[in-house]
Protein backbone atom coordinates (compact mmCIF):
# COMPACT_ATOMS: atom_id res chain seq x y z
CA GLY A 1 112.84 110.96 113.15
CA ASN A 2 109.30 111.28 113.56
CA ASP A 3 108.05 111.58 117.13
CA ARG A 4 104.41 110.61 117.24
CA PRO A 5 103.32 107.31 118.09
CA PRO A 6 102.80 104.81 115.43
CA ILE A 7 98.93 104.64 114.64
CA ASP A 8 97.29 101.33 113.39
CA TRP A 9 95.24 103.15 110.61
CA LEU A 10 93.66 99.73 109.43
CA SER A 11 91.78 98.93 112.97
CA THR A 12 90.74 102.53 114.05
CA SER A 13 87.43 103.39 114.23
CA ASN A 14 87.79 106.76 112.66
CA GLY A 15 87.74 105.23 109.22
CA PRO A 16 87.41 107.02 105.72
CA SER A 17 84.58 108.73 104.38
CA ALA A 18 81.97 107.07 102.00
CA ARG A 19 83.33 109.07 99.05
CA ASN A 20 85.95 106.10 98.66
CA PHE A 21 84.17 102.86 98.38
CA VAL A 22 86.78 100.41 98.06
CA PRO A 23 89.09 101.96 100.48
CA ARG A 24 86.54 102.03 103.19
CA THR A 25 85.18 98.64 102.42
CA ALA A 26 88.74 97.66 103.18
CA VAL A 27 89.54 99.47 106.26
CA TRP A 28 86.11 97.77 107.60
CA LEU A 29 86.61 94.48 106.53
CA ILE A 30 90.63 94.47 108.03
CA SER A 31 88.80 95.74 111.53
CA HIS A 32 86.42 93.44 111.79
CA ASP A 33 87.89 90.10 110.10
CA GLY A 34 91.36 90.71 109.78
CA TRP A 35 93.54 91.25 106.43
CA ARG A 36 93.44 87.69 105.54
CA ALA A 37 89.58 87.64 105.46
CA ALA A 38 89.46 90.98 103.97
CA TYR A 39 91.84 89.79 100.92
CA GLY A 40 89.98 86.93 100.11
CA ILE A 41 86.55 88.67 100.62
CA MET A 42 87.72 91.23 97.92
CA GLY A 43 89.19 89.15 95.67
CA LEU A 44 86.39 86.74 95.48
CA THR A 45 83.84 89.46 95.06
CA TRP A 46 85.82 90.91 91.99
CA ALA A 47 86.35 87.34 90.42
CA VAL A 48 82.81 86.84 90.72
CA ALA A 49 81.53 90.35 89.40
CA GLY A 50 84.12 90.16 86.64
CA GLY A 51 83.76 86.62 85.60
CA LEU A 52 80.01 87.34 85.38
CA LEU A 53 80.50 90.61 83.06
CA VAL A 54 83.05 88.72 80.73
CA PHE A 55 80.87 85.78 80.21
CA LEU A 56 77.33 87.56 79.98
CA LEU A 57 78.68 90.67 77.79
CA PHE A 58 82.23 89.89 75.89
CA ARG A 59 80.90 88.65 72.40
CA SER A 60 81.93 89.29 69.03
CA LYS A 61 80.75 88.56 65.65
CA GLN A 62 83.60 86.07 65.21
CA ASP A 63 82.46 84.15 68.02
CA ALA A 64 78.90 83.88 66.67
CA ALA A 65 80.37 82.92 63.12
CA VAL A 66 82.10 80.04 65.06
CA ARG A 67 79.30 78.62 66.74
CA GLU A 68 77.33 78.50 63.70
CA SER A 69 79.79 76.74 61.42
CA GLY A 70 81.93 74.87 63.76
CA ALA A 71 85.48 73.57 63.18
CA ASP A 72 85.67 75.01 59.64
CA GLY A 73 84.38 78.20 60.92
CA LYS A 74 87.24 78.28 63.76
CA ALA A 75 90.02 77.20 61.19
CA ALA A 76 88.89 80.02 58.78
CA ALA A 77 88.81 82.66 61.41
CA ASP A 78 91.95 81.68 62.94
CA GLN A 79 93.57 81.58 59.32
CA ALA A 80 92.15 85.20 58.94
CA LEU A 81 94.00 86.81 61.81
CA ALA A 82 97.06 88.56 60.89
CA GLY A 83 100.23 88.37 62.91
CA VAL A 84 102.96 85.99 64.55
CA GLY A 85 102.72 82.75 66.35
CA ALA A 86 102.80 82.34 69.88
CA ARG A 87 106.34 80.70 69.98
CA ASP A 88 107.84 83.45 67.79
CA GLY A 89 106.49 86.34 69.65
CA LEU A 90 107.58 85.25 72.95
CA ARG A 91 111.31 84.44 71.79
CA SER A 92 111.49 87.59 70.22
CA VAL A 93 113.37 90.90 71.36
CA THR A 94 110.41 93.22 71.04
CA PHE A 95 108.14 90.99 73.34
CA ILE A 96 111.27 91.16 75.96
CA LYS A 97 111.09 94.69 76.08
CA ILE A 98 107.31 95.01 76.44
CA ALA A 99 107.62 92.44 79.37
CA GLY A 100 110.61 94.07 80.96
CA ALA A 101 108.53 97.79 80.84
CA ALA A 102 105.57 95.94 82.09
CA LEU A 103 107.73 94.40 84.90
CA ALA A 104 109.35 97.53 85.88
CA GLY A 105 106.68 99.91 85.81
CA GLU A 106 104.07 97.80 87.65
CA ILE A 107 106.64 97.01 90.57
CA VAL A 108 106.94 100.97 90.81
CA ILE A 109 103.35 101.75 90.59
CA VAL A 110 101.83 98.47 93.08
CA GLY A 111 104.71 99.42 95.51
CA ILE A 112 103.21 103.11 96.07
CA VAL A 113 99.72 102.14 95.39
CA VAL A 114 99.48 99.45 98.38
CA ASN A 115 101.11 102.23 100.63
CA ILE A 116 99.25 104.98 99.93
CA ILE A 117 97.18 105.58 102.93
CA PRO A 118 100.06 104.88 105.56
CA MET A 119 102.32 106.99 103.61
CA VAL A 120 100.19 109.84 103.59
CA HIS A 121 99.08 109.35 106.94
CA GLU A 122 102.34 109.62 108.10
CA GLY A 123 103.25 112.63 106.00
CA GLY A 124 100.48 114.35 108.39
CA LEU A 125 97.23 113.83 106.73
CA SER A 126 94.11 112.20 108.44
CA LEU A 127 92.77 108.67 107.60
CA GLU A 128 89.75 110.43 106.18
CA GLN A 129 92.00 112.61 103.98
CA ALA A 130 94.27 109.52 102.98
CA ALA A 131 91.42 107.89 102.03
CA TRP A 132 90.00 110.24 99.57
CA VAL A 133 93.70 110.75 98.12
CA ALA A 134 93.74 107.07 97.62
CA GLY A 135 90.64 107.25 95.92
CA VAL A 136 92.29 109.65 93.36
CA VAL A 137 94.11 106.64 91.68
CA GLY A 138 91.12 105.07 90.21
CA ALA A 139 89.35 108.38 88.68
CA SER A 140 92.96 109.29 87.20
CA ALA A 141 93.62 105.84 85.85
CA VAL A 142 90.49 106.20 83.80
CA ILE A 143 91.51 109.49 82.70
CA GLY A 144 94.82 107.89 81.63
CA LYS A 145 93.41 105.17 79.70
CA LEU A 146 91.22 107.75 77.71
CA VAL A 147 94.03 110.57 76.95
CA CYS A 148 96.47 107.54 75.93
CA GLY A 149 93.67 105.97 73.72
CA ALA A 150 93.55 109.38 72.03
CA LEU A 151 96.83 110.09 71.88
CA VAL A 152 98.00 106.84 70.44
CA ASN A 153 96.28 107.65 67.13
CA ARG A 154 98.65 110.93 66.60
CA VAL A 155 102.07 109.74 68.59
CA GLY A 156 103.95 106.58 68.73
CA GLY A 157 103.09 104.29 71.15
CA GLN A 158 106.63 103.58 72.22
CA TYR A 159 106.89 107.43 73.01
CA ILE A 160 103.71 107.30 75.27
CA MET A 161 104.92 104.32 76.87
CA ALA A 162 108.10 106.05 77.92
CA VAL A 163 106.58 109.00 79.57
CA LEU A 164 104.25 106.90 81.52
CA LEU A 165 107.32 105.00 82.87
CA ALA A 166 108.40 107.96 84.07
CA LEU A 167 105.46 109.72 85.72
CA PRO A 168 106.14 107.70 88.88
CA ILE A 169 109.32 109.96 89.63
CA VAL A 170 106.99 113.00 89.52
CA THR A 171 104.89 111.39 92.02
CA ALA A 172 107.93 110.03 94.15
CA LEU A 173 109.49 113.83 94.35
CA ILE A 174 106.12 115.12 95.49
CA LEU A 175 105.76 113.06 97.95
CA MET A 176 109.44 113.21 99.31
CA GLU A 177 108.52 117.08 100.08
CA PRO A 178 107.98 118.02 103.50
CA GLY A 179 104.71 119.66 104.69
CA MET A 180 102.62 117.50 102.73
CA THR A 181 99.05 118.71 102.07
CA MET A 182 96.08 117.24 100.55
CA LEU A 183 96.45 119.09 97.54
CA SER A 184 100.16 117.73 96.89
CA ALA A 185 99.22 114.63 97.83
CA SER A 186 96.11 114.23 95.64
CA ILE A 187 98.39 115.77 92.47
CA ALA A 188 101.19 113.29 93.38
CA ILE A 189 98.76 110.02 93.20
CA ALA A 190 96.90 111.54 90.32
CA PHE A 191 100.57 111.44 88.39
CA LEU A 192 101.05 107.66 89.41
CA GLY A 193 97.08 106.46 88.67
CA PHE A 194 97.27 108.34 85.08
CA SER A 195 100.51 106.31 84.48
CA SER A 196 98.65 102.79 85.86
CA GLY A 197 96.02 103.41 83.33
CA GLY A 198 97.78 104.62 80.77
CA GLN A 199 100.24 101.88 80.77
CA LEU A 200 97.93 99.04 80.95
CA GLU A 201 96.24 100.46 77.84
CA MET A 202 99.67 101.00 76.15
CA LEU A 203 100.67 97.03 76.76
CA VAL A 204 97.12 95.89 75.04
CA TYR A 205 97.80 98.30 72.21
CA LEU A 206 101.85 97.55 71.70
CA VAL A 207 101.28 94.15 71.85
CA ALA A 208 98.54 93.88 69.07
CA ARG A 209 100.66 96.61 67.14
CA HIS A 210 103.63 94.33 67.08
CA PHE A 211 102.37 90.94 67.01
CA GLY A 212 98.95 91.01 65.76
CA LEU A 213 95.89 89.01 66.46
CA ARG A 214 96.93 85.52 65.63
CA ALA A 215 98.34 84.66 69.02
CA PHE A 216 97.19 87.86 70.86
CA GLY A 217 95.39 85.72 73.61
CA THR A 218 98.89 83.78 74.29
CA ILE A 219 101.37 86.88 74.11
CA PHE A 220 99.07 89.31 76.31
CA GLY A 221 98.18 86.54 78.66
CA VAL A 222 102.12 86.10 79.40
CA ILE A 223 102.22 89.86 79.68
CA GLY A 224 99.27 89.47 82.13
CA GLY A 225 101.49 87.02 84.23
CA VAL A 226 104.39 89.33 84.52
CA LEU A 227 101.97 91.79 85.66
CA SER A 228 100.79 89.84 88.18
CA LEU A 229 104.62 88.66 89.09
CA ALA A 230 105.18 92.45 89.31
CA VAL A 231 102.19 92.81 92.18
CA GLY A 232 103.38 89.69 94.23
CA VAL A 233 106.94 91.08 94.22
């Protein structure tokens, strides 16, 4: 029922403000090189930056001990880790529940996140305002991580995760209201970002809590694959 002509929000020259670096960069790359090139450039940029950070900075005392003592040290370190094995963990009902929650939650979140700018633009906001609203996701996700990390010492992780999975409902209800304003859109997306950041934090916690560290890399790696599947869907 919208009588306004469709607007190519990606190729317009009136791009978003510099307050939102990533949305602005995406719009600029797409308008100059097309979405395929932009997709590859942004993905490669984060892969290189993230890979270097992990390689250079992520070290533990256990890593140092393994390097110094060789194979015997590695065997002793593995034996000291508590928890279930990968096979038992991946075949458990608990893992199926966590993976199902991860799949459902990520599909909902990503389905909204990748469409934030056109959604709120069609709701009546300018492209600059839409890019500002999109930037709210990152800030609220950080807040979600911090808040959930503090709460999990006092409240059961399963209850926190249940609330996080329900928060996108609030986002959808706000976005469905007519007469969208920048404030209402920002509040809606803040709930979504909070849920996104908190869910990832709680997935790490729940996997470690229920399965221990013995096969944490393998089990959470499969959870990561589930998240990637959700993003693709």
